[in-house]
Structures are given as C-alpha cells and as structure tokens.
C-alpha atoms as a PDB file:
ATOM      1  CA  MET A   1     -91.243 242.602 -58.170  1.00  0.00           C
ATOM      2  CA  ALA A   2     -88.187 244.385 -56.803  1.00  0.00           C
ATOM      3  CA  ARG A   3     -84.678 244.315 -58.135  1.00  0.00           C
ATOM      4  CA  ARG A   4     -81.539 245.957 -56.864  1.00  0.00           C
ATOM      5  CA  ASN A   5     -79.400 248.198 -59.032  1.00  0.00           C
ATOM      6  CA  PRO A   6     -76.156 249.651 -57.859  1.00  0.00           C
ATOM      7  CA  ASP A   7     -76.257 253.422 -57.744  1.00  0.00           C
ATOM      8  CA  PRO A   8     -73.230 255.321 -59.146  1.00  0.00           C
ATOM      9  CA  ARG A   9     -72.698 256.714 -55.663  1.00  0.00           C
ATOM     10  CA  GLY A  10     -72.312 253.204 -54.265  1.00  0.00           C
ATOM     11  CA  ASP A  11     -75.762 253.009 -52.647  1.00  0.00           C
ATOM     12  CA  ASN A  12     -78.213 250.275 -53.452  1.00  0.00           C
ATOM     13  CA  VAL A  13     -81.466 251.493 -55.033  1.00  0.00           C
ATOM     14  CA  VAL A  14     -84.599 249.355 -55.074  1.00  0.00           C
ATOM     15  CA  GLU A  15     -86.786 249.685 -58.164  1.00  0.00           C
ATOM     16  CA  LEU A  16     -90.370 248.497 -58.007  1.00  0.00           C
ATOM     17  CA  ARG A  17     -91.996 247.069 -61.087  1.00  0.00           C
ATOM     18  CA  ARG A  18     -95.660 246.352 -61.455  1.00  0.00           C
ATOM     19  CA  SER A  19     -96.595 243.237 -63.323  1.00  0.00           C
ATOM     20  CA  ARG A  20     -98.993 243.618 -66.226  1.00  0.00           C
ATOM     21  CA  SER A  21    -101.319 240.899 -64.976  1.00  0.00           C
ATOM     22  CA  ASN A  22    -101.688 242.723 -61.663  1.00  0.00           C
ATOM     23  CA  ALA A  23    -102.604 245.925 -63.505  1.00  0.00           C
ATOM     24  CA  PHE A  24    -105.365 244.139 -65.430  1.00  0.00           C
ATOM     25  CA  LEU A  25    -106.729 242.456 -62.311  1.00  0.00           C
ATOM     26  CA  ARG A  26    -107.067 245.813 -60.585  1.00  0.00           C
ATOM     27  CA  GLN A  27    -109.475 246.971 -63.314  1.00  0.00           C
ATOM     28  CA  TRP A  28    -112.150 244.363 -62.579  1.00  0.00           C
ATOM     29  CA  PRO A  29    -114.938 246.914 -61.845  1.00  0.00           C
ATOM     30  CA  ILE A  30    -114.810 248.563 -65.274  1.00  0.00           C
ATOM     31  CA  THR A  31    -114.395 245.162 -66.935  1.00  0.00           C
ATOM     32  CA  ILE A  32    -117.620 243.855 -65.391  1.00  0.00           C
ATOM     33  CA  VAL A  33    -119.519 247.006 -66.354  1.00  0.00           C
ATOM     34  CA  LEU A  34    -118.215 246.933 -69.940  1.00  0.00           C
ATOM     35  CA  LEU A  35    -119.132 243.253 -70.288  1.00  0.00           C
ATOM     36  CA  GLY A  36    -122.687 244.203 -69.271  1.00  0.00           C
ATOM     37  CA  VAL A  37    -122.741 247.015 -71.832  1.00  0.00           C
ATOM     38  CA  ALA A  38    -121.464 244.634 -74.533  1.00  0.00           C
ATOM     39  CA  LEU A  39    -124.161 242.101 -73.630  1.00  0.00           C
ATOM     40  CA  ALA A  40    -126.771 244.873 -73.859  1.00  0.00           C
ATOM     41  CA  MET A  41    -125.550 245.810 -77.327  1.00  0.00           C
ATOM     42  CA  VAL A  42    -125.819 242.166 -78.424  1.00  0.00           C
ATOM     43  CA  PHE A  43    -129.428 242.010 -77.199  1.00  0.00           C
ATOM     44  CA  ILE A  44    -130.257 245.250 -78.991  1.00  0.00           C
ATOM     45  CA  ALA A  45    -128.588 244.053 -82.198  1.00  0.00           C
ATOM     46  CA  LEU A  46    -130.640 240.840 -82.019  1.00  0.00           C
ATOM     47  CA  ASP A  47    -133.830 242.951 -82.081  1.00  0.00           C
ATOM     48  CA  SER A  48    -134.589 242.757 -78.381  1.00  0.00           C
ATOM     49  CA  PHE A  49    -134.568 246.466 -77.605  1.00  0.00           C
ATOM     50  CA  ARG A  50    -136.288 246.365 -74.242  1.00  0.00           C
ATOM     51  CA  ARG A  51    -134.196 243.502 -72.832  1.00  0.00           C
ATOM     52  CA  GLY A  52    -130.995 245.157 -74.065  1.00  0.00           C
ATOM     53  CA  SER A  53    -131.988 248.505 -72.586  1.00  0.00           C
ATOM     54  CA  VAL A  54    -132.729 246.916 -69.211  1.00  0.00           C
ATOM     55  CA  VAL A  55    -129.310 245.222 -69.219  1.00  0.00           C
ATOM     56  CA  LEU A  56    -127.708 248.544 -70.194  1.00  0.00           C
ATOM     57  CA  SER A  57    -129.417 250.419 -67.368  1.00  0.00           C
ATOM     58  CA  ALA A  58    -128.497 247.635 -64.925  1.00  0.00           C
ATOM     59  CA  SER A  59    -124.859 247.927 -66.018  1.00  0.00           C
ATOM     60  CA  VAL A  60    -124.837 251.686 -65.460  1.00  0.00           C
ATOM     61  CA  LEU A  61    -126.503 251.293 -62.062  1.00  0.00           C
ATOM     62  CA  LEU A  62    -123.950 248.586 -61.199  1.00  0.00           C
ATOM     63  CA  ALA A  63    -121.198 251.080 -62.063  1.00  0.00           C
ATOM     64  CA  ALA A  64    -122.791 253.610 -59.694  1.00  0.00           C
ATOM     65  CA  PHE A  65    -123.068 250.998 -56.950  1.00  0.00           C
ATOM     66  CA  LEU A  66    -119.449 249.858 -57.380  1.00  0.00           C
ATOM     67  CA  ARG A  67    -118.232 253.463 -57.393  1.00  0.00           C
ATOM     68  CA  LEU A  68    -120.159 254.088 -54.177  1.00  0.00           C
ATOM     69  CA  LEU A  69    -118.768 251.030 -52.377  1.00  0.00           C
ATOM     70  CA  LEU A  70    -115.152 250.945 -53.584  1.00  0.00           C
ATOM     71  CA  SER A  71    -112.387 253.335 -52.616  1.00  0.00           C
ATOM     72  CA  ASP A  72    -110.811 255.563 -55.256  1.00  0.00           C
ATOM     73  CA  SER A  73    -107.829 253.250 -55.689  1.00  0.00           C
ATOM     74  CA  ASP A  74    -109.975 250.086 -55.846  1.00  0.00           C
ATOM     75  CA  ALA A  75    -112.485 251.588 -58.297  1.00  0.00           C
ATOM     76  CA  GLY A  76    -109.789 251.870 -60.956  1.00  0.00           C
ATOM     77  CA  MET A  77    -111.066 253.425 -64.148  1.00  0.00           C
ATOM     78  CA  LEU A  78    -114.546 253.934 -62.687  1.00  0.00           C
ATOM     79  CA  ALA A  79    -113.077 256.785 -60.669  1.00  0.00           C
ATOM     80  CA  VAL A  80    -113.223 259.765 -63.007  1.00  0.00           C
ATOM     81  CA  ARG A  81    -114.242 262.673 -60.799  1.00  0.00           C
ATOM     82  CA  SER A  82    -115.015 262.878 -57.124  1.00  0.00           C
ATOM     83  CA  LYS A  83    -116.953 259.947 -55.702  1.00  0.00           C
ATOM     84  CA  ARG A  84    -120.073 262.064 -55.115  1.00  0.00           C
ATOM     85  CA  ILE A  85    -120.192 263.387 -58.685  1.00  0.00           C
ATOM     86  CA  ASP A  86    -119.518 259.946 -60.186  1.00  0.00           C
ATOM     87  CA  VAL A  87    -122.256 258.249 -58.152  1.00  0.00           C
ATOM     88  CA  ILE A  88    -124.822 260.983 -58.835  1.00  0.00           C
ATOM     89  CA  THR A  89    -124.049 261.059 -62.557  1.00  0.00           C
ATOM     90  CA  LEU A  90    -124.116 257.279 -63.010  1.00  0.00           C
ATOM     91  CA  GLY A  91    -127.214 256.900 -60.831  1.00  0.00           C
ATOM     92  CA  LEU A  92    -129.199 259.539 -62.694  1.00  0.00           C
ATOM     93  CA  LEU A  93    -128.114 258.122 -66.057  1.00  0.00           C
ATOM     94  CA  GLY A  94    -129.086 254.595 -65.013  1.00  0.00           C
ATOM     95  CA  ILE A  95    -132.486 255.727 -63.748  1.00  0.00           C
ATOM     96  CA  ALA A  96    -133.094 257.803 -66.903  1.00  0.00           C
ATOM     97  CA  ILE A  97    -132.262 254.831 -69.158  1.00  0.00           C
ATOM     98  CA  THR A  98    -134.640 252.656 -67.123  1.00  0.00           C
ATOM     99  CA  VAL A  99    -137.467 255.212 -67.395  1.00  0.00           C
ATOM    100  CA  PHE A 100    -136.970 255.643 -71.137  1.00  0.00           C
ATOM    101  CA  THR A 101    -136.792 251.861 -71.588  1.00  0.00           C
ATOM    102  CA  PHE A 102    -140.296 251.407 -70.243  1.00  0.00           C
ATOM    103  CA  TRP A 103    -141.587 254.634 -71.784  1.00  0.00           C
ATOM    104  CA  VAL A 104    -141.016 253.446 -75.341  1.00  0.00           C
ATOM    105  CA  PRO A 105    -144.106 251.525 -76.466  1.00  0.00           C
ATOM    106  CA  PRO A 106    -143.604 247.948 -77.638  1.00  0.00           C
ATOM    107  CA  PRO A 107    -143.843 247.350 -81.380  1.00  0.00           C
ATOM    108  CA  SER A 108    -147.336 246.666 -82.641  1.00  0.00           C
END
C-alpha cells in the first residue's frame, strides 16, 4: 500500500508499506514444515514413536525439497545459509532420522 507524504523540500515522496497478512502468507514453506513437526510430536506423545519419527523425517525432507525448489526470496525463513548448504544439511538430517527410526527395535 503506498501513500504520499509531502517532503519538506516540496517534493512528493512515496512510502511503501507491507501489510501484515502478506508477510504471513510469504512464510508458507516454514509453516507447512512446522505443522508437520508438530504433528510428529503429537504422534510421539501419544506413544506412537515410529509413526511420529517417520512424520518428523518426512517434514525435514520436505523442508530440503522446498529449499531446493524455491528461490531465496520465496523460501522465506527456510533460507538460512546458502541454498547448497541448506539442502545438504536438511537432506542428511532427514535421511539420518529415517535410518534411526527403523533402526530402533519395536517394543517387545
């Protein structure tokens, strides 16, 4: 939204304001990933460790996939470091969580 303010020198200056709703809509990638992490924590709290761990690893791998596909400006808060470092870090973490999920023996 733009509004015009008179400048003391007599020139017109245009100020740009960002709406708050637009700022929240731009953060949809991290919102989806965090909803997946929250769902994983609910599964784990309800004594379904393996299902919760699979959802957690899927959420981390989704974050890696979104970071790979989206530009730096579209990735929002998923963009922490360079794209290469973010994708490698999230991918390795997601794969490690998946391996450890199936490595842990089921309760007897």
